[in-house]
Amino acid sequence: MPESVSGRLLAFDFGTRRIGVAAGQTLT
C-alpha cells in the first residue's frame, strides 16, 4: 500500500474519531 493511501486512511480515521468525540461531548 502506497504511503499516500495509508496516510489518507490514517487522516480519515483520525478525523472520524475526532468528529465522534466532538459529537459525544455535544450529546452529553
Protein backbone atom coordinates (compact mmCIF):
# COMPACT_ATOMS: atom_id res chain seq x y z
CA MET A 1 0.00 0.00 0.00
CA PRO A 2 1.44 3.37 -1.04
CA GLU A 3 2.23 5.86 1.72
CA SER A 4 -0.20 8.38 0.23
CA VAL A 5 -3.07 5.91 0.52
CA SER A 6 -2.18 4.81 4.05
CA GLY A 7 -1.73 8.45 5.06
CA ARG A 8 -5.18 9.31 3.74
CA LEU A 9 -6.70 6.36 5.61
CA LEU A 10 -4.98 7.43 8.84
CA ALA A 11 -6.11 11.03 8.38
CA PHE A 12 -9.66 9.87 7.62
CA ASP A 13 -9.70 7.59 10.65
CA PHE A 14 -8.34 10.36 12.88
CA GLY A 15 -10.91 12.82 11.53
CA THR A 16 -13.75 10.36 12.07
CA ARG A 17 -12.69 9.71 15.66
CA ARG A 18 -12.33 13.45 16.29
CA ILE A 19 -15.84 14.07 14.94
CA GLY A 20 -17.16 11.17 17.02
CA VAL A 21 -15.59 12.58 20.19
CA ALA A 22 -16.95 16.05 19.47
CA ALA A 23 -20.42 14.62 18.81
CA GLY A 24 -20.25 12.58 22.01
CA GLN A 25 -19.30 15.66 24.05
CA THR A 26 -22.16 17.60 22.47
CA LEU A 27 -24.73 14.89 23.23
CA THR A 28 -23.51 14.55 26.80
